Amino acid sequence: MVFEYIPDAVGEHESHWIFRIPSENIVQHFLVVGRVNEPNVLFETGKIKFGPLLLQGKNREVVSLINQEHIPFSFSFAKESVKGSPDFGDSLRVSPMSGVVPA
C-alpha cells in the first residue's frame, strides 16, 4: 500500500484514513501525521549582471537550480511569474519552464 501526499502549505499536517475490505469484514483506521518543510533548492547565484547593453541589445545568462535534497525536485514556472515590467515587454525568457532537478 502506498500513500502519496502533496501538501499545499508548510507545517504539521494530519489526515485520517479508513481502509476497508468488505468481503473480509475488515476495517482499519489510520492516522497519518507529518511535517512539511521548505525544500532545500536554490539558484546558484542571487543576482545577474548583464553589463552595458546598447538599445535593442541582447545578452544571455545561464542560472542553474541546485537541489540539496536527497530526492529529485520537480519545478514549474508560471508564465505570469516571469513577465517583467510592461515597459520592457517580454524581454525575459526562461527555459525550460518546468522539469526535474535530480538529487
N, C-alpha and C. Protein backbone atom coordinates (compact mmCIF):
# COMPACT_ATOMS: atom_id res chain seq x y z
N MET A 1 0.85 -1.15 0.00
CA MET A 1 0.00 0.00 0.00
C MET A 1 0.90 1.22 0.00
N VAL A 2 0.54 2.23 -0.77
CA VAL A 2 1.33 3.46 -0.88
C VAL A 2 0.41 4.65 -0.66
N PHE A 3 0.84 5.58 0.18
CA PHE A 3 0.16 6.85 0.37
C PHE A 3 1.03 7.92 -0.28
N GLU A 4 0.42 8.76 -1.08
CA GLU A 4 1.13 9.90 -1.64
C GLU A 4 0.39 11.15 -1.22
N TYR A 5 1.13 12.08 -0.65
CA TYR A 5 0.51 13.30 -0.13
C TYR A 5 1.25 14.50 -0.72
N ILE A 6 0.52 15.41 -1.32
CA ILE A 6 1.11 16.62 -1.89
C ILE A 6 0.54 17.80 -1.10
N PRO A 7 1.36 18.39 -0.22
CA PRO A 7 0.85 19.45 0.66
C PRO A 7 0.67 20.77 -0.06
N ASP A 8 -0.23 21.60 0.47
CA ASP A 8 -0.45 22.96 -0.03
C ASP A 8 0.26 23.99 0.82
N ALA A 9 0.71 23.60 2.01
CA ALA A 9 1.31 24.56 2.92
C ALA A 9 2.40 23.88 3.75
N VAL A 10 3.33 24.68 4.24
CA VAL A 10 4.40 24.21 5.12
C VAL A 10 3.83 24.09 6.53
N GLY A 11 4.30 23.10 7.29
CA GLY A 11 3.87 22.94 8.68
C GLY A 11 3.50 21.50 8.97
N GLU A 12 2.85 21.29 10.11
CA GLU A 12 2.42 19.95 10.52
C GLU A 12 1.06 19.66 9.92
N HIS A 13 0.90 18.43 9.49
CA HIS A 13 -0.35 18.00 8.88
C HIS A 13 -0.74 16.64 9.44
N GLU A 14 -2.03 16.41 9.52
CA GLU A 14 -2.52 15.08 9.88
C GLU A 14 -3.75 14.77 9.06
N SER A 15 -3.91 13.49 8.78
CA SER A 15 -5.03 13.06 7.95
C SER A 15 -5.51 11.70 8.46
N HIS A 16 -6.82 11.56 8.52
CA HIS A 16 -7.44 10.30 8.98
C HIS A 16 -7.90 9.51 7.76
N TRP A 17 -7.61 8.21 7.76
CA TRP A 17 -7.98 7.33 6.66
C TRP A 17 -8.64 6.08 7.22
N ILE A 18 -9.53 5.50 6.42
CA ILE A 18 -10.15 4.22 6.79
C ILE A 18 -9.91 3.25 5.64
N PHE A 19 -9.32 2.11 5.97
CA PHE A 19 -9.05 1.06 4.99
C PHE A 19 -10.06 -0.05 5.23
N ARG A 20 -10.84 -0.36 4.18
CA ARG A 20 -11.90 -1.36 4.33
C ARG A 20 -11.77 -2.45 3.29
N ILE A 21 -12.00 -3.68 3.73
CA ILE A 21 -12.16 -4.82 2.82
C ILE A 21 -13.50 -5.45 3.19
N PRO A 22 -14.60 -5.04 2.51
CA PRO A 22 -15.94 -5.50 2.91
C PRO A 22 -16.10 -7.02 2.85
N SER A 23 -15.50 -7.66 1.85
CA SER A 23 -15.68 -9.11 1.72
C SER A 23 -15.08 -9.88 2.90
N GLU A 24 -14.09 -9.28 3.56
CA GLU A 24 -13.44 -9.92 4.71
C GLU A 24 -13.89 -9.30 6.03
N ASN A 25 -14.79 -8.32 5.94
CA ASN A 25 -15.29 -7.63 7.13
C ASN A 25 -14.14 -7.02 7.94
N ILE A 26 -13.20 -6.38 7.22
CA ILE A 26 -12.04 -5.75 7.86
C ILE A 26 -12.17 -4.23 7.72
N VAL A 27 -11.97 -3.56 8.84
CA VAL A 27 -11.94 -2.09 8.87
C VAL A 27 -10.73 -1.69 9.72
N GLN A 28 -9.85 -0.88 9.14
CA GLN A 28 -8.66 -0.43 9.87
C GLN A 28 -8.55 1.09 9.75
N HIS A 29 -8.43 1.76 10.87
CA HIS A 29 -8.29 3.22 10.89
C HIS A 29 -6.80 3.57 10.90
N PHE A 30 -6.45 4.62 10.12
CA PHE A 30 -5.07 5.11 10.07
C PHE A 30 -5.05 6.60 10.38
N LEU A 31 -4.06 7.01 11.10
CA LEU A 31 -3.78 8.43 11.31
C LEU A 31 -2.39 8.67 10.74
N VAL A 32 -2.31 9.52 9.72
CA VAL A 32 -1.03 9.84 9.10
C VAL A 32 -0.67 11.25 9.53
N VAL A 33 0.52 11.38 10.14
CA VAL A 33 0.98 12.66 10.66
C VAL A 33 2.37 12.93 10.09
N GLY A 34 2.59 14.18 9.68
CA GLY A 34 3.91 14.53 9.16
C GLY A 34 4.16 16.02 9.21
N ARG A 35 5.41 16.38 8.97
CA ARG A 35 5.82 17.78 8.93
C ARG A 35 6.33 18.09 7.53
N VAL A 36 5.84 19.17 6.97
CA VAL A 36 6.25 19.62 5.64
C VAL A 36 7.23 20.78 5.81
N ASN A 37 8.42 20.63 5.22
CA ASN A 37 9.44 21.68 5.27
C ASN A 37 9.67 22.23 3.87
N GLU A 38 10.18 23.46 3.81
CA GLU A 38 10.56 24.04 2.53
C GLU A 38 11.69 23.19 1.94
N PRO A 39 11.63 22.92 0.64
CA PRO A 39 12.72 22.14 0.04
C PRO A 39 14.01 22.96 -0.01
N ASN A 40 15.13 22.29 0.10
CA ASN A 40 16.44 22.94 0.06
C ASN A 40 16.90 23.01 -1.40
N VAL A 41 16.22 23.83 -2.18
CA VAL A 41 16.51 24.02 -3.61
C VAL A 41 16.74 25.50 -3.82
N LEU A 42 17.81 25.85 -4.54
CA LEU A 42 18.15 27.25 -4.70
C LEU A 42 18.78 27.53 -6.06
N PHE A 43 18.82 28.80 -6.44
CA PHE A 43 19.53 29.22 -7.63
C PHE A 43 21.01 29.31 -7.29
N GLU A 44 21.89 29.01 -8.26
CA GLU A 44 23.32 29.03 -7.98
C GLU A 44 23.85 30.44 -7.71
N THR A 45 23.14 31.47 -8.15
CA THR A 45 23.54 32.85 -7.91
C THR A 45 22.32 33.67 -7.53
N GLY A 46 22.54 34.70 -6.73
CA GLY A 46 21.43 35.53 -6.28
C GLY A 46 21.13 36.71 -7.18
N LYS A 47 22.06 37.04 -8.09
CA LYS A 47 21.83 38.17 -8.99
C LYS A 47 22.59 37.94 -10.28
N ILE A 48 22.16 38.67 -11.30
CA ILE A 48 22.79 38.58 -12.62
C ILE A 48 23.13 39.99 -13.08
N LYS A 49 24.36 40.19 -13.53
CA LYS A 49 24.75 41.46 -14.13
C LYS A 49 24.88 41.24 -15.62
N PHE A 50 24.04 41.92 -16.38
CA PHE A 50 24.09 41.79 -17.83
C PHE A 50 25.13 42.71 -18.46
N GLY A 51 25.66 43.64 -17.70
CA GLY A 51 26.64 44.56 -18.23
C GLY A 51 26.00 45.60 -19.12
N PRO A 52 26.80 46.50 -19.68
CA PRO A 52 26.24 47.53 -20.55
C PRO A 52 25.73 46.94 -21.86
N LEU A 53 24.54 47.36 -22.25
CA LEU A 53 23.93 46.90 -23.50
C LEU A 53 23.44 48.09 -24.29
N LEU A 54 23.58 48.05 -25.59
CA LEU A 54 23.01 49.07 -26.45
C LEU A 54 21.50 48.84 -26.56
N LEU A 55 20.78 49.87 -27.00
CA LEU A 55 19.34 49.70 -27.22
C LEU A 55 19.11 48.55 -28.17
N GLN A 56 18.12 47.76 -27.89
CA GLN A 56 17.78 46.56 -28.65
C GLN A 56 18.86 45.47 -28.54
N GLY A 57 19.85 45.70 -27.69
CA GLY A 57 20.90 44.71 -27.49
C GLY A 57 20.38 43.52 -26.71
N LYS A 58 21.06 42.40 -26.85
CA LYS A 58 20.63 41.18 -26.16
C LYS A 58 21.83 40.58 -25.45
N ASN A 59 21.54 39.89 -24.39
CA ASN A 59 22.55 39.17 -23.64
C ASN A 59 21.91 37.91 -23.08
N ARG A 60 22.70 36.92 -22.85
CA ARG A 60 22.17 35.66 -22.34
C ARG A 60 22.99 35.23 -21.14
N GLU A 61 22.30 34.84 -20.09
CA GLU A 61 22.95 34.32 -18.89
C GLU A 61 22.27 33.01 -18.51
N VAL A 62 23.03 32.10 -17.98
CA VAL A 62 22.50 30.81 -17.55
C VAL A 62 22.59 30.74 -16.03
N VAL A 63 21.47 30.41 -15.41
CA VAL A 63 21.41 30.24 -13.96
C VAL A 63 20.89 28.84 -13.71
N SER A 64 21.59 28.09 -12.90
CA SER A 64 21.20 26.70 -12.62
C SER A 64 20.47 26.60 -11.29
N LEU A 65 19.57 25.63 -11.21
CA LEU A 65 18.93 25.27 -9.95
C LEU A 65 19.77 24.20 -9.27
N ILE A 66 19.99 24.34 -7.98
CA ILE A 66 20.76 23.37 -7.22
C ILE A 66 19.81 22.69 -6.23
N ASN A 67 19.76 21.38 -6.28
CA ASN A 67 18.90 20.59 -5.39
C ASN A 67 19.77 19.95 -4.32
N GLN A 68 19.63 20.38 -3.08
CA GLN A 68 20.40 19.81 -1.98
C GLN A 68 19.57 18.82 -1.16
N GLU A 69 18.47 18.35 -1.75
CA GLU A 69 17.64 17.33 -1.11
C GLU A 69 18.14 15.94 -1.52
N HIS A 70 17.65 14.91 -0.87
CA HIS A 70 18.03 13.54 -1.20
C HIS A 70 17.10 12.90 -2.23
N ILE A 71 16.10 13.65 -2.68
CA ILE A 71 15.17 13.15 -3.69
C ILE A 71 15.07 14.17 -4.83
N PRO A 72 14.68 13.76 -6.03
CA PRO A 72 14.52 14.72 -7.13
C PRO A 72 13.44 15.76 -6.80
N PHE A 73 13.59 16.95 -7.40
CA PHE A 73 12.66 18.04 -7.16
C PHE A 73 12.05 18.49 -8.47
N SER A 74 10.72 18.45 -8.55
CA SER A 74 10.01 18.93 -9.74
C SER A 74 9.78 20.42 -9.61
N PHE A 75 9.95 21.15 -10.71
CA PHE A 75 9.70 22.58 -10.68
C PHE A 75 8.87 22.98 -11.89
N SER A 76 8.18 24.11 -11.75
CA SER A 76 7.38 24.65 -12.84
C SER A 76 7.23 26.15 -12.60
N PHE A 77 7.59 26.95 -13.61
CA PHE A 77 7.42 28.39 -13.53
C PHE A 77 6.11 28.76 -14.23
N ALA A 78 5.30 29.58 -13.59
CA ALA A 78 4.09 30.10 -14.23
C ALA A 78 4.49 31.20 -15.20
N LYS A 79 3.87 31.23 -16.36
CA LYS A 79 4.19 32.25 -17.37
C LYS A 79 4.07 33.65 -16.79
N GLU A 80 3.07 33.88 -15.94
CA GLU A 80 2.85 35.20 -15.36
C GLU A 80 4.00 35.61 -14.45
N SER A 81 4.70 34.64 -13.85
CA SER A 81 5.74 34.98 -12.89
C SER A 81 7.04 35.43 -13.55
N VAL A 82 7.23 35.17 -14.83
CA VAL A 82 8.47 35.58 -15.50
C VAL A 82 8.27 36.83 -16.35
N LYS A 83 7.09 37.40 -16.31
CA LYS A 83 6.87 38.66 -17.03
C LYS A 83 7.41 39.79 -16.18
N GLY A 84 8.18 40.65 -16.81
CA GLY A 84 8.73 41.80 -16.11
C GLY A 84 7.80 42.99 -16.20
N SER A 85 8.39 44.14 -16.13
CA SER A 85 7.65 45.39 -16.23
C SER A 85 7.03 45.52 -17.62
N PRO A 86 5.83 46.08 -17.74
CA PRO A 86 5.22 46.28 -19.06
C PRO A 86 6.08 47.15 -19.98
N ASP A 87 6.96 47.98 -19.39
CA ASP A 87 7.84 48.83 -20.18
C ASP A 87 8.84 48.03 -21.00
N PHE A 88 9.16 46.82 -20.55
CA PHE A 88 10.18 46.02 -21.21
C PHE A 88 9.60 44.87 -22.03
N GLY A 89 8.30 44.71 -22.03
CA GLY A 89 7.67 43.65 -22.83
C GLY A 89 8.11 42.27 -22.37
N ASP A 90 8.26 41.38 -23.31
CA ASP A 90 8.69 40.01 -22.99
C ASP A 90 10.19 39.88 -23.14
N SER A 91 10.94 40.69 -22.41
CA SER A 91 12.39 40.70 -22.55
C SER A 91 13.06 39.56 -21.79
N LEU A 92 12.36 38.93 -20.87
CA LEU A 92 12.94 37.83 -20.09
C LEU A 92 12.36 36.52 -20.59
N ARG A 93 13.23 35.56 -20.86
CA ARG A 93 12.80 34.22 -21.25
C ARG A 93 13.41 33.20 -20.30
N VAL A 94 12.62 32.24 -19.91
CA VAL A 94 13.08 31.18 -19.03
C VAL A 94 12.89 29.87 -19.76
N SER A 95 13.95 29.07 -19.78
CA SER A 95 13.88 27.78 -20.46
C SER A 95 14.74 26.78 -19.70
N PRO A 96 14.22 25.64 -19.33
CA PRO A 96 12.84 25.17 -19.52
C PRO A 96 11.93 25.76 -18.45
N MET A 97 10.64 25.80 -18.76
CA MET A 97 9.65 26.33 -17.83
C MET A 97 9.28 25.32 -16.75
N SER A 98 9.57 24.05 -17.00
CA SER A 98 9.30 23.02 -15.99
C SER A 98 10.28 21.88 -16.21
N GLY A 99 10.44 21.07 -15.18
CA GLY A 99 11.34 19.93 -15.28
C GLY A 99 11.59 19.32 -13.91
N VAL A 100 12.65 18.53 -13.83
CA VAL A 100 13.03 17.85 -12.60
C VAL A 100 14.52 18.06 -12.38
N VAL A 101 14.88 18.50 -11.17
CA VAL A 101 16.28 18.65 -10.79
C VAL A 101 16.64 17.41 -9.98
N PRO A 102 17.61 16.62 -10.45
CA PRO A 102 17.94 15.39 -9.72
C PRO A 102 18.52 15.68 -8.34
N ALA A 103 18.47 14.69 -7.48
CA ALA A 103 19.01 14.83 -6.11
C ALA A 103 20.50 15.02 -6.17
